[in-house]
């Protein structure tokens, strides 16, 4: 065999293996139909819906070292209990606290957020990403303002 034949054979085996890997990564949806890996199964029509009263809070100007406390109020406007599994912020200076119990349809809840401005200066936009069983699964709220010198 010459180099060209070996290279062609190697490429054929590589392509075949890649094709096999792609079909092995398929999952089954609830109805038994195949879906690609990473694809989202559409939410049920009766899923919980997380509706925030305000998606952004502007705390104005504060002096460096001050803490901002804010409660993001929300309502479950869906038809099933809302379960918030996680809330994360863009940095460790912002700490969200989620409700531990499910929120029944029609009920309200609060995500408490504390922003510590120590070591921060200038315009701030802290994004809090909320993960839940709602439709959509990911929601974001913002804490905005300006940190000035003490």
N, C-alpha and C. Protein backbone atom coordinates (compact mmCIF):
# COMPACT_ATOMS: atom_id res chain seq x y z
N UNK A 1 0.84 -1.18 0.00
CA UNK A 1 0.00 0.00 0.00
C UNK A 1 0.88 1.24 0.00
N UNK A 2 0.43 2.22 -0.75
CA UNK A 2 1.19 3.47 -0.74
C UNK A 2 0.56 4.44 0.26
N UNK A 3 1.19 5.57 0.47
CA UNK A 3 0.74 6.56 1.46
C UNK A 3 -0.65 7.09 1.14
N UNK A 4 -0.95 7.27 -0.13
CA UNK A 4 -2.24 7.81 -0.53
C UNK A 4 -3.37 6.85 -0.15
N UNK A 5 -3.17 5.54 -0.35
CA UNK A 5 -4.18 4.55 0.00
C UNK A 5 -4.38 4.47 1.51
N UNK A 6 -3.30 4.56 2.24
CA UNK A 6 -3.39 4.51 3.71
C UNK A 6 -4.15 5.74 4.23
N UNK A 7 -3.84 6.91 3.69
CA UNK A 7 -4.50 8.14 4.11
C UNK A 7 -6.00 8.08 3.77
N UNK A 8 -6.35 7.60 2.58
CA UNK A 8 -7.74 7.49 2.18
C UNK A 8 -8.48 6.52 3.10
N UNK A 9 -7.87 5.41 3.44
CA UNK A 9 -8.48 4.44 4.35
C UNK A 9 -8.70 5.03 5.73
N UNK A 10 -7.72 5.75 6.22
CA UNK A 10 -7.82 6.39 7.54
C UNK A 10 -8.96 7.40 7.57
N UNK A 11 -9.07 8.22 6.52
CA UNK A 11 -10.16 9.21 6.45
C UNK A 11 -11.52 8.52 6.41
N UNK A 12 -11.64 7.43 5.66
CA UNK A 12 -12.91 6.71 5.57
C UNK A 12 -13.32 6.16 6.93
N UNK A 13 -12.39 5.59 7.67
CA UNK A 13 -12.67 5.05 9.00
C UNK A 13 -13.08 6.18 9.96
N UNK A 14 -12.39 7.31 9.90
CA UNK A 14 -12.68 8.45 10.77
C UNK A 14 -14.08 9.00 10.51
N UNK A 15 -14.44 9.16 9.24
CA UNK A 15 -15.77 9.67 8.88
C UNK A 15 -16.84 8.68 9.32
N UNK A 16 -16.62 7.40 9.11
CA UNK A 16 -17.59 6.39 9.51
C UNK A 16 -17.79 6.42 11.03
N UNK A 17 -16.71 6.52 11.77
CA UNK A 17 -16.81 6.57 13.24
C UNK A 17 -17.56 7.81 13.70
N UNK A 18 -17.33 8.93 13.07
CA UNK A 18 -18.02 10.17 13.44
C UNK A 18 -19.51 10.05 13.17
N UNK A 19 -19.89 9.42 12.06
CA UNK A 19 -21.31 9.24 11.76
C UNK A 19 -21.97 8.32 12.78
N UNK A 20 -21.30 7.27 13.19
CA UNK A 20 -21.84 6.35 14.18
C UNK A 20 -22.01 7.03 15.53
N UNK A 21 -21.06 7.89 15.90
CA UNK A 21 -21.13 8.61 17.17
C UNK A 21 -22.33 9.55 17.17
N UNK A 22 -22.63 10.20 16.06
CA UNK A 22 -23.77 11.11 15.96
C UNK A 22 -25.09 10.41 16.19
N UNK A 23 -25.25 9.19 15.65
CA UNK A 23 -26.51 8.47 15.85
C UNK A 23 -26.57 7.88 17.25
N UNK A 24 -25.44 7.59 17.88
CA UNK A 24 -25.45 7.05 19.24
C UNK A 24 -25.84 8.11 20.25
N UNK A 25 -25.70 9.38 19.92
CA UNK A 25 -26.02 10.47 20.85
C UNK A 25 -27.48 10.89 20.81
N UNK A 26 -28.33 10.15 20.12
CA UNK A 26 -29.74 10.52 20.07
C UNK A 26 -30.46 9.99 21.29
N UNK A 27 -31.45 10.75 21.77
CA UNK A 27 -32.28 10.37 22.91
C UNK A 27 -33.68 10.13 22.42
N UNK A 28 -34.51 9.59 23.29
CA UNK A 28 -35.92 9.39 22.98
C UNK A 28 -36.74 10.41 23.75
N UNK A 29 -37.65 11.06 23.05
CA UNK A 29 -38.59 11.97 23.69
C UNK A 29 -39.66 11.12 24.39
N UNK A 30 -40.55 11.74 25.14
CA UNK A 30 -41.59 11.01 25.85
C UNK A 30 -42.48 10.22 24.91
N UNK A 31 -42.67 10.70 23.68
CA UNK A 31 -43.54 10.01 22.75
C UNK A 31 -42.79 8.93 21.95
N UNK A 32 -41.50 8.68 22.28
CA UNK A 32 -40.74 7.64 21.63
C UNK A 32 -40.01 8.08 20.39
N UNK A 33 -40.21 9.32 19.93
CA UNK A 33 -39.52 9.80 18.74
C UNK A 33 -38.10 10.22 19.11
N UNK A 34 -37.18 10.04 18.17
CA UNK A 34 -35.79 10.41 18.42
C UNK A 34 -35.62 11.92 18.35
N UNK A 35 -34.77 12.44 19.25
CA UNK A 35 -34.38 13.84 19.19
C UNK A 35 -32.87 13.89 19.31
N UNK A 36 -32.27 14.91 18.76
CA UNK A 36 -30.82 15.03 18.82
C UNK A 36 -30.39 15.37 20.23
N UNK A 37 -29.17 14.95 20.58
CA UNK A 37 -28.61 15.27 21.89
C UNK A 37 -28.53 16.78 22.03
N UNK A 38 -28.92 17.28 23.20
CA UNK A 38 -28.85 18.72 23.45
C UNK A 38 -30.12 19.46 23.04
N UNK A 39 -31.00 18.80 22.27
CA UNK A 39 -32.24 19.45 21.86
C UNK A 39 -33.19 19.48 23.04
N UNK A 40 -33.99 20.52 23.13
CA UNK A 40 -34.92 20.68 24.23
C UNK A 40 -36.27 20.07 23.86
N UNK A 41 -36.85 19.35 24.81
CA UNK A 41 -38.19 18.86 24.64
C UNK A 41 -39.11 20.02 24.99
N UNK A 42 -40.09 20.35 24.15
CA UNK A 42 -40.97 21.49 24.45
C UNK A 42 -41.65 21.31 25.81
N UNK A 43 -41.82 22.42 26.53
CA UNK A 43 -42.47 22.37 27.83
C UNK A 43 -43.94 22.00 27.67
N UNK A 44 -44.45 21.34 28.68
CA UNK A 44 -45.86 20.97 28.66
C UNK A 44 -46.72 22.23 28.67
N UNK A 45 -47.90 22.17 28.05
CA UNK A 45 -48.75 23.37 28.00
C UNK A 45 -49.21 23.82 29.39
N UNK A 46 -49.19 22.93 30.37
CA UNK A 46 -49.60 23.31 31.72
C UNK A 46 -48.42 23.59 32.64
N UNK A 47 -47.24 23.86 32.08
CA UNK A 47 -46.04 24.10 32.88
C UNK A 47 -46.18 25.36 33.73
N UNK A 48 -45.36 25.43 34.77
CA UNK A 48 -45.30 26.63 35.59
C UNK A 48 -44.73 27.78 34.74
N UNK A 49 -45.12 29.01 35.06
CA UNK A 49 -44.59 30.18 34.37
C UNK A 49 -44.15 31.18 35.43
N UNK A 50 -42.88 31.55 35.39
CA UNK A 50 -42.29 32.48 36.33
C UNK A 50 -42.43 33.89 35.78
N UNK A 51 -43.26 34.73 36.44
CA UNK A 51 -43.51 36.09 35.98
C UNK A 51 -43.05 37.07 37.06
N UNK A 52 -41.99 37.82 36.75
CA UNK A 52 -41.45 38.78 37.71
C UNK A 52 -42.26 40.08 37.68
N UNK A 53 -42.43 40.69 38.86
CA UNK A 53 -43.07 42.00 38.96
C UNK A 53 -42.20 43.04 38.27
N UNK A 54 -40.89 42.99 38.54
CA UNK A 54 -39.89 43.85 37.89
C UNK A 54 -38.69 42.97 37.54
N UNK A 55 -38.22 43.07 36.30
CA UNK A 55 -37.07 42.27 35.89
C UNK A 55 -35.76 43.02 36.09
N UNK A 56 -35.85 44.29 36.48
CA UNK A 56 -34.65 45.10 36.69
C UNK A 56 -34.90 46.06 37.85
N UNK A 57 -33.90 46.20 38.71
CA UNK A 57 -33.97 47.15 39.81
C UNK A 57 -32.76 48.06 39.74
N UNK A 58 -33.00 49.38 39.69
CA UNK A 58 -31.93 50.37 39.68
C UNK A 58 -31.78 50.93 41.09
N UNK A 59 -30.64 50.62 41.73
CA UNK A 59 -30.43 51.08 43.10
C UNK A 59 -29.83 52.48 43.16
N UNK A 60 -29.62 53.10 42.02
CA UNK A 60 -29.11 54.48 41.99
C UNK A 60 -27.62 54.54 42.30
N UNK A 61 -27.21 55.58 43.04
CA UNK A 61 -25.79 55.73 43.41
C UNK A 61 -25.61 55.36 44.87
N UNK A 62 -24.58 54.54 45.11
CA UNK A 62 -24.21 54.18 46.48
C UNK A 62 -22.71 54.35 46.63
N UNK A 63 -22.27 54.48 47.87
CA UNK A 63 -20.83 54.58 48.14
C UNK A 63 -20.23 53.19 48.23
N UNK A 64 -18.98 53.08 47.76
CA UNK A 64 -18.27 51.80 47.79
C UNK A 64 -18.28 51.24 49.22
N UNK A 65 -18.57 49.97 49.35
CA UNK A 65 -18.63 49.31 50.66
C UNK A 65 -20.06 49.12 51.16
N UNK A 66 -21.02 49.85 50.60
CA UNK A 66 -22.42 49.70 51.00
C UNK A 66 -23.00 48.42 50.38
N UNK A 67 -24.04 47.90 51.05
CA UNK A 67 -24.75 46.73 50.54
C UNK A 67 -26.14 47.14 50.09
N UNK A 68 -26.57 46.54 49.00
CA UNK A 68 -27.92 46.76 48.48
C UNK A 68 -28.71 45.47 48.70
N UNK A 69 -29.89 45.60 49.30
CA UNK A 69 -30.80 44.48 49.51
C UNK A 69 -32.03 44.73 48.64
N UNK A 70 -32.43 43.72 47.87
CA UNK A 70 -33.63 43.88 47.05
C UNK A 70 -34.35 42.54 46.95
N UNK A 71 -35.68 42.59 46.97
CA UNK A 71 -36.51 41.40 46.80
C UNK A 71 -37.16 41.43 45.43
N UNK A 72 -36.78 40.48 44.57
CA UNK A 72 -37.44 40.35 43.27
C UNK A 72 -38.72 39.53 43.50
N UNK A 73 -39.86 40.18 43.39
CA UNK A 73 -41.15 39.53 43.60
C UNK A 73 -41.60 38.88 42.28
N UNK A 74 -42.18 37.70 42.41
CA UNK A 74 -42.67 36.99 41.22
C UNK A 74 -43.96 36.27 41.55
N UNK A 75 -44.63 35.84 40.49
CA UNK A 75 -45.86 35.06 40.61
C UNK A 75 -45.75 33.86 39.67
N UNK A 76 -46.31 32.75 40.10
CA UNK A 76 -46.42 31.58 39.23
C UNK A 76 -47.73 31.73 38.46
N UNK A 77 -47.63 32.13 37.20
CA UNK A 77 -48.82 32.32 36.37
C UNK A 77 -49.14 31.08 35.54
N UNK A 78 -48.47 29.98 35.83
CA UNK A 78 -48.72 28.72 35.12
C UNK A 78 -49.77 27.88 35.84
N UNK A 79 -49.83 26.61 35.45
CA UNK A 79 -50.86 25.72 35.96
C UNK A 79 -50.34 24.61 36.86
N UNK A 80 -49.01 24.56 37.07
CA UNK A 80 -48.42 23.55 37.95
C UNK A 80 -47.49 24.25 38.94
N UNK A 81 -47.16 23.61 40.05
CA UNK A 81 -46.25 24.23 41.03
C UNK A 81 -44.90 24.59 40.42
N UNK A 82 -44.42 25.76 40.79
CA UNK A 82 -43.13 26.27 40.32
C UNK A 82 -42.05 25.86 41.32
N UNK A 83 -41.00 25.22 40.80
CA UNK A 83 -39.88 24.82 41.64
C UNK A 83 -38.63 25.52 41.12
N UNK A 84 -38.09 26.44 41.92
CA UNK A 84 -36.86 27.13 41.54
C UNK A 84 -35.70 26.29 42.08
N UNK A 85 -34.89 25.79 41.18
CA UNK A 85 -33.81 24.89 41.58
C UNK A 85 -32.50 25.62 41.84
N UNK A 86 -32.32 26.81 41.24
CA UNK A 86 -31.04 27.51 41.41
C UNK A 86 -31.17 28.96 41.00
N UNK A 87 -30.32 29.79 41.58
CA UNK A 87 -30.16 31.18 41.16
C UNK A 87 -28.69 31.52 41.33
N UNK A 88 -28.09 32.02 40.26
CA UNK A 88 -26.67 32.37 40.30
C UNK A 88 -26.50 33.80 39.82
N UNK A 89 -25.44 34.44 40.31
CA UNK A 89 -25.15 35.82 39.92
C UNK A 89 -23.85 35.86 39.14
N UNK A 90 -23.62 36.99 38.47
CA UNK A 90 -22.44 37.13 37.61
C UNK A 90 -21.15 37.18 38.40
N UNK A 91 -21.22 37.48 39.70
CA UNK A 91 -20.00 37.46 40.51
C UNK A 91 -20.36 37.14 41.95
N UNK A 92 -19.34 36.85 42.76
CA UNK A 92 -19.55 36.50 44.16
C UNK A 92 -20.00 37.66 45.02
N UNK A 93 -20.00 38.87 44.48
CA UNK A 93 -20.44 40.04 45.24
C UNK A 93 -21.95 40.12 45.34
N UNK A 94 -22.66 39.30 44.58
CA UNK A 94 -24.12 39.31 44.56
C UNK A 94 -24.62 37.93 44.97
N UNK A 95 -25.41 37.89 46.05
CA UNK A 95 -25.88 36.63 46.60
C UNK A 95 -27.40 36.55 46.50
N UNK A 96 -27.93 35.63 45.66
CA UNK A 96 -29.38 35.44 45.61
C UNK A 96 -29.82 34.32 46.57
N UNK A 97 -31.02 34.47 47.11
CA UNK A 97 -31.60 33.45 47.99
C UNK A 97 -32.97 33.09 47.43
N UNK A 98 -33.13 31.81 47.08
CA UNK A 98 -34.38 31.35 46.44
C UNK A 98 -35.32 30.73 47.47
N UNK A 99 -36.62 30.70 47.15
CA UNK A 99 -37.56 30.02 48.05
C UNK A 99 -37.30 28.51 48.03
N UNK A 100 -37.43 27.90 49.18
CA UNK A 100 -37.16 26.46 49.29
C UNK A 100 -38.37 25.61 48.89
N UNK A 101 -39.56 26.13 49.13
CA UNK A 101 -40.79 25.37 48.85
C UNK A 101 -41.32 25.70 47.46
N UNK A 102 -42.01 24.75 46.83
CA UNK A 102 -42.65 25.05 45.54
C UNK A 102 -43.68 26.17 45.69
N UNK A 103 -43.85 26.95 44.62
CA UNK A 103 -44.81 28.05 44.60
C UNK A 103 -46.02 27.58 43.79
N UNK A 104 -47.18 27.52 44.45
CA UNK A 104 -48.39 27.02 43.81
C UNK A 104 -48.86 27.97 42.70
N UNK A 105 -49.60 27.46 41.72
CA UNK A 105 -50.14 28.32 40.67
C UNK A 105 -50.95 29.47 41.27
N UNK A 106 -50.67 30.69 40.81
CA UNK A 106 -51.35 31.88 41.31
C UNK A 106 -50.69 32.51 42.52
N UNK A 107 -49.81 31.78 43.19
CA UNK A 107 -49.14 32.31 44.38
C UNK A 107 -47.92 33.14 44.01
N UNK A 108 -47.48 33.94 44.98
CA UNK A 108 -46.31 34.79 44.79
C UNK A 108 -45.13 34.27 45.61
N UNK A 109 -43.94 34.71 45.22
CA UNK A 109 -42.73 34.36 45.93
C UNK A 109 -41.72 35.48 45.80
N UNK A 110 -40.59 35.32 46.48
CA UNK A 110 -39.54 36.34 46.48
C UNK A 110 -38.18 35.68 46.32
N UNK A 111 -37.34 36.30 45.49
CA UNK A 111 -35.92 35.94 45.43
C UNK A 111 -35.18 37.13 46.05
N UNK A 112 -34.58 36.89 47.21
CA UNK A 112 -33.84 37.94 47.91
C UNK A 112 -32.44 38.04 47.32
N UNK A 113 -31.99 39.28 47.08
CA UNK A 113 -30.67 39.49 46.51
C UNK A 113 -29.93 40.53 47.35
N UNK A 114 -28.65 40.23 47.64
CA UNK A 114 -27.79 41.18 48.35
C UNK A 114 -26.56 41.42 47.47
N UNK A 115 -26.30 42.70 47.17
CA UNK A 115 -25.11 43.11 46.41
C UNK A 115 -24.17 43.84 47.36
N UNK A 116 -22.93 43.34 47.48
CA UNK A 116 -21.91 43.96 48.32
C UNK A 116 -20.97 44.73 47.40
N UNK A 117 -20.94 46.06 47.55
CA UNK A 117 -20.16 46.90 46.64
C UNK A 117 -18.69 47.06 47.02
N UNK A 118 -18.25 46.35 48.05
CA UNK A 118 -16.83 46.43 48.43
C UNK A 118 -15.96 46.03 47.25
N UNK A 119 -15.01 46.90 46.91
CA UNK A 119 -14.09 46.63 45.81
C UNK A 119 -14.66 46.92 44.43
N UNK A 120 -15.87 47.43 44.37
CA UNK A 120 -16.50 47.75 43.07
C UNK A 120 -16.51 49.26 42.88
N UNK A 121 -16.43 49.68 41.63
CA UNK A 121 -16.51 51.11 41.28
C UNK A 121 -17.22 51.27 39.95
N UNK A 122 -17.94 52.37 39.81
CA UNK A 122 -18.56 52.69 38.53
C UNK A 122 -19.91 52.03 38.34
N UNK A 123 -20.34 52.00 37.08
CA UNK A 123 -21.64 51.44 36.70
C UNK A 123 -21.61 49.92 36.91
N UNK A 124 -22.67 49.41 37.52
CA UNK A 124 -22.78 47.98 37.80
C UNK A 124 -24.07 47.43 37.19
N UNK A 125 -24.00 46.24 36.63
CA UNK A 125 -25.19 45.53 36.14
C UNK A 125 -24.98 44.07 36.50
N UNK A 126 -25.55 43.68 37.62
CA UNK A 126 -25.41 42.31 38.11
C UNK A 126 -26.60 41.50 37.61
N UNK A 127 -26.31 40.41 36.90
CA UNK A 127 -27.34 39.55 36.31
C UNK A 127 -27.53 38.34 37.23
N UNK A 128 -28.77 38.10 37.60
CA UNK A 128 -29.12 36.93 38.39
C UNK A 128 -29.87 35.98 37.46
N UNK A 129 -29.32 34.79 37.27
CA UNK A 129 -29.91 33.78 36.39
C UNK A 129 -30.68 32.78 37.24
N UNK A 130 -31.98 32.64 36.96
CA UNK A 130 -32.86 31.78 37.75
C UNK A 130 -33.22 30.55 36.91
N UNK A 131 -32.96 29.38 37.49
CA UNK A 131 -33.27 28.11 36.82
C UNK A 131 -34.44 27.46 37.56
N UNK A 132 -35.44 27.01 36.79
CA UNK A 132 -36.62 26.41 37.40
C UNK A 132 -37.27 25.41 36.45
N UNK A 133 -38.39 24.87 36.88
CA UNK A 133 -39.15 23.95 36.03
C UNK A 133 -40.17 24.70 35.16
N UNK A 134 -40.04 26.02 35.10
CA UNK A 134 -40.99 26.86 34.36
C UNK A 134 -40.71 26.84 32.86
N UNK A 135 -41.62 27.45 32.14
CA UNK A 135 -41.44 27.65 30.71
C UNK A 135 -41.30 29.15 30.49
N UNK A 136 -40.09 29.65 30.14
CA UNK A 136 -38.84 28.95 29.90
C UNK A 136 -38.13 28.56 31.21
N UNK A 137 -37.17 27.64 31.09
CA UNK A 137 -36.45 27.13 32.26
C UNK A 137 -35.50 28.17 32.86
N UNK A 138 -34.98 29.08 32.03
CA UNK A 138 -34.00 30.08 32.47
C UNK A 138 -34.63 31.46 32.36
N UNK A 139 -34.55 32.23 33.45
CA UNK A 139 -34.99 33.62 33.48
C UNK A 139 -33.87 34.46 34.07
N UNK A 140 -33.81 35.73 33.69
CA UNK A 140 -32.79 36.63 34.23
C UNK A 140 -33.43 37.88 34.78
N UNK A 141 -32.86 38.37 35.89
CA UNK A 141 -33.22 39.67 36.44
C UNK A 141 -31.93 40.45 36.65
N UNK A 142 -32.03 41.79 36.70
CA UNK A 142 -30.85 42.64 36.78
C UNK A 142 -30.92 43.57 37.99
N UNK A 143 -29.77 43.74 38.63
CA UNK A 143 -29.57 44.71 39.69
C UNK A 143 -28.57 45.73 39.16
N UNK A 144 -29.02 46.98 38.99
CA UNK A 144 -28.19 47.99 38.33
C UNK A 144 -27.99 49.19 39.23
N UNK A 145 -26.91 49.91 38.99
CA UNK A 145 -26.65 51.14 39.71
C UNK A 145 -25.21 51.58 39.53
N UNK A 146 -24.83 52.58 40.34
CA UNK A 146 -23.47 53.11 40.24
C UNK A 146 -22.84 53.14 41.63
N UNK A 147 -21.59 52.68 41.70
CA UNK A 147 -20.84 52.69 42.95
C UNK A 147 -19.83 53.82 42.85
N UNK A 148 -19.85 54.73 43.84
CA UNK A 148 -18.95 55.88 43.88
C UNK A 148 -17.94 55.72 45.01
N UNK A 149 -16.95 56.59 45.03
CA UNK A 149 -15.93 56.54 46.09
C UNK A 149 -16.56 56.84 47.45
N UNK A 150 -16.03 56.22 48.49
CA UNK A 150 -16.59 56.44 49.84
C UNK A 150 -16.39 57.86 50.33
